[in-house]
N, C-alpha and C. Protein backbone atom coordinates (compact mmCIF):
# COMPACT_ATOMS: atom_id res chain seq x y z
N MET A 1 -30.32 17.19 13.10
CA MET A 1 -28.62 17.44 13.24
C MET A 1 -27.79 16.35 13.59
N ASP A 2 -28.60 15.11 14.42
CA ASP A 2 -28.54 13.74 14.76
C ASP A 2 -27.94 13.43 13.49
N GLY A 3 -28.48 13.33 12.32
CA GLY A 3 -28.59 12.29 11.30
C GLY A 3 -27.36 12.88 10.46
N ILE A 4 -26.99 14.22 10.68
CA ILE A 4 -25.60 14.22 9.60
C ILE A 4 -24.32 13.92 10.17
N CYS A 5 -24.33 14.04 11.78
CA CYS A 5 -23.37 13.75 13.00
C CYS A 5 -23.34 12.33 12.45
N SER A 6 -24.05 11.55 12.63
CA SER A 6 -24.44 10.26 12.41
C SER A 6 -23.99 9.53 11.31
N GLU A 7 -24.13 10.56 9.66
CA GLU A 7 -23.65 10.22 8.79
C GLU A 7 -22.46 10.68 8.43
N ARG A 8 -21.56 11.32 9.15
CA ARG A 8 -20.43 12.21 9.02
C ARG A 8 -19.39 10.87 9.66
N SER A 9 -20.13 10.10 11.32
CA SER A 9 -18.96 8.99 11.36
C SER A 9 -19.30 8.06 10.93
N LEU A 10 -20.42 7.44 10.23
CA LEU A 10 -20.29 6.49 9.12
C LEU A 10 -18.84 6.44 8.62
N LEU A 11 -19.30 7.57 7.59
CA LEU A 11 -18.10 8.39 6.70
C LEU A 11 -16.69 8.27 6.95
N ARG A 12 -16.45 8.51 8.06
CA ARG A 12 -15.68 8.59 9.02
C ARG A 12 -14.90 6.82 9.08
N GLN A 13 -15.69 6.53 9.44
CA GLN A 13 -15.66 4.73 9.70
C GLN A 13 -14.91 3.83 8.73
N HIS A 14 -15.90 3.83 7.37
CA HIS A 14 -15.88 3.55 6.35
C HIS A 14 -14.45 3.54 6.19
N LYS A 15 -13.80 4.97 6.11
CA LYS A 15 -12.68 5.60 5.47
C LYS A 15 -11.78 4.96 6.29
N GLU A 16 -11.46 4.47 7.40
CA GLU A 16 -10.88 4.27 8.11
C GLU A 16 -10.61 2.97 7.90
N GLU A 17 -11.83 2.28 7.93
CA GLU A 17 -11.82 0.60 7.75
C GLU A 17 -10.79 0.64 5.75
N GLY A 18 -11.48 1.01 5.27
CA GLY A 18 -10.56 1.36 4.04
C GLY A 18 -8.81 0.78 4.36
N ARG A 19 -8.44 2.12 5.24
CA ARG A 19 -7.03 2.26 5.27
C ARG A 19 -7.18 1.64 6.06
N LEU A 20 -7.58 0.61 6.78
CA LEU A 20 -6.85 -0.70 7.52
C LEU A 20 -6.70 -1.33 6.50
N ALA A 21 -7.73 -1.73 5.54
CA ALA A 21 -7.60 -3.11 4.46
C ALA A 21 -6.17 -2.70 3.80
N ASP A 22 -6.06 -1.21 3.32
CA ASP A 22 -4.97 -1.11 2.34
C ASP A 22 -3.57 -1.42 3.06
N SER A 23 -3.63 -1.37 4.32
CA SER A 23 -2.60 -1.15 5.25
C SER A 23 -1.99 -2.77 5.31
N ARG A 24 -2.96 -3.75 5.27
CA ARG A 24 -2.98 -4.68 6.14
C ARG A 24 -2.68 -5.73 4.39
N GLU A 25 -3.07 -5.45 3.09
CA GLU A 25 -3.08 -5.40 1.55
C GLU A 25 -1.33 -5.13 1.89
N ARG A 26 -0.77 -4.44 2.17
CA ARG A 26 0.16 -3.65 2.01
C ARG A 26 1.12 -4.75 2.58
N ALA A 27 1.24 -4.64 4.11
CA ALA A 27 1.90 -6.12 4.67
C ALA A 27 1.97 -7.23 4.18
N GLU A 28 1.15 -7.53 3.57
CA GLU A 28 0.50 -9.12 2.76
C GLU A 28 1.92 -8.75 1.82
N LYS A 29 1.65 -7.68 0.86
CA LYS A 29 2.55 -7.95 -0.09
C LYS A 29 4.07 -7.91 0.04
N LEU A 30 4.45 -7.52 1.36
CA LEU A 30 5.87 -6.73 1.74
C LEU A 30 6.49 -8.20 2.05
N ALA A 31 5.29 -8.52 3.39
CA ALA A 31 6.20 -10.06 3.43
C ALA A 31 6.05 -10.88 2.41
N ALA A 32 5.35 -10.55 1.37
CA ALA A 32 5.89 -12.09 0.81
C ALA A 32 7.18 -11.45 -0.53
N LEU A 33 6.64 -10.09 -0.63
CA LEU A 33 8.53 -9.78 -1.24
C LEU A 33 9.74 -10.08 -0.03
N LYS A 34 9.83 -9.97 0.76
CA LYS A 34 10.59 -10.17 1.60
C LYS A 34 11.01 -12.00 2.04
N ARG A 35 9.86 -12.67 2.05
CA ARG A 35 10.26 -14.19 1.68
C ARG A 35 10.69 -14.59 0.75
N GLN A 36 10.63 -13.87 -0.69
CA GLN A 36 10.89 -14.03 -1.98
C GLN A 36 12.79 -13.44 -2.08
N ILE A 37 12.76 -12.86 -0.95
CA ILE A 37 13.70 -12.38 -0.86
C ILE A 37 14.88 -13.58 -0.34
N ARG A 38 14.15 -13.89 0.79
CA ARG A 38 15.39 -14.56 1.29
C ARG A 38 15.34 -16.16 0.80
N GLU A 39 14.62 -16.20 0.43
CA GLU A 39 14.36 -17.50 -0.28
C GLU A 39 15.55 -17.26 -1.45
N GLY A 40 15.29 -16.42 -1.85
CA GLY A 40 16.72 -16.22 -3.27
C GLY A 40 15.92 -16.27 -4.50
N VAL A 41 14.21 -15.95 -4.67
CA VAL A 41 13.21 -16.05 -6.06
C VAL A 41 13.39 -14.84 -6.36
N TYR A 42 13.58 -13.68 -5.49
CA TYR A 42 13.10 -12.42 -6.52
C TYR A 42 13.58 -11.93 -7.37
N ARG A 43 12.81 -11.56 -8.03
CA ARG A 43 13.28 -11.02 -9.55
C ARG A 43 12.72 -10.08 -9.37
N PRO A 44 13.12 -8.97 -9.89
CA PRO A 44 12.56 -7.77 -9.82
C PRO A 44 12.50 -6.88 -11.67
N ASP A 45 11.73 -6.53 -11.86
CA ASP A 45 11.28 -6.27 -13.09
C ASP A 45 11.74 -4.62 -13.52
N ILE A 46 12.76 -4.96 -14.06
CA ILE A 46 14.15 -4.23 -14.32
C ILE A 46 13.63 -2.83 -15.37
N LYS A 47 12.38 -3.04 -15.54
CA LYS A 47 11.80 -1.46 -16.05
C LYS A 47 11.07 -0.35 -14.78
N ASP A 48 10.83 -1.34 -13.83
CA ASP A 48 10.55 -0.87 -12.67
C ASP A 48 12.19 0.03 -11.98
N VAL A 49 12.84 -1.12 -11.99
CA VAL A 49 14.18 -0.37 -11.33
C VAL A 49 15.10 0.71 -12.33
N ALA A 50 14.79 1.11 -13.85
CA ALA A 50 14.92 1.58 -14.35
C ALA A 50 14.22 3.20 -14.36
N ARG A 51 13.03 2.77 -13.96
CA ARG A 51 12.09 3.68 -14.17
C ARG A 51 12.73 4.58 -12.54
N LEU A 52 12.68 3.69 -11.20
CA LEU A 52 12.94 4.54 -10.18
C LEU A 52 14.12 5.03 -10.49
N LEU A 53 15.74 4.60 -10.85
CA LEU A 53 16.70 5.57 -11.33
C LEU A 53 16.66 6.26 -11.51
N THR A 54 15.97 6.20 -12.57
CA THR A 54 15.38 7.88 -13.37
C THR A 54 14.81 9.15 -13.04
N GLY A 55 13.94 8.79 -11.80
CA GLY A 55 13.63 9.15 -11.18
C GLY A 55 14.04 9.76 -9.97
N ALA A 56 14.93 9.02 -9.34
CA ALA A 56 16.26 9.49 -8.46
C ALA A 56 17.18 10.55 -9.04
N VAL A 57 17.66 10.28 -10.57
CA VAL A 57 18.53 11.35 -11.32
C VAL A 57 18.12 12.22 -11.15
N THR A 58 16.72 12.09 -11.99
CA THR A 58 15.74 13.74 -12.06
C THR A 58 15.37 14.83 -11.40
N ARG A 59 15.59 14.34 -9.50
CA ARG A 59 15.04 15.19 -8.67
C ARG A 59 17.02 16.04 -8.14
């Protein structure tokens, strides 16, 4: 029984570590985008913008 609980605990810990890594990666990307916008060098991909607008209109 202890082995099962330990295994589940390890799985939960690995999942949490993955979420933290994803969260840090997202925060770094967001900071980079904000910096580009502040510096006036950000150039959005027109296809991404069109895709987002199309999705908003169809809802």
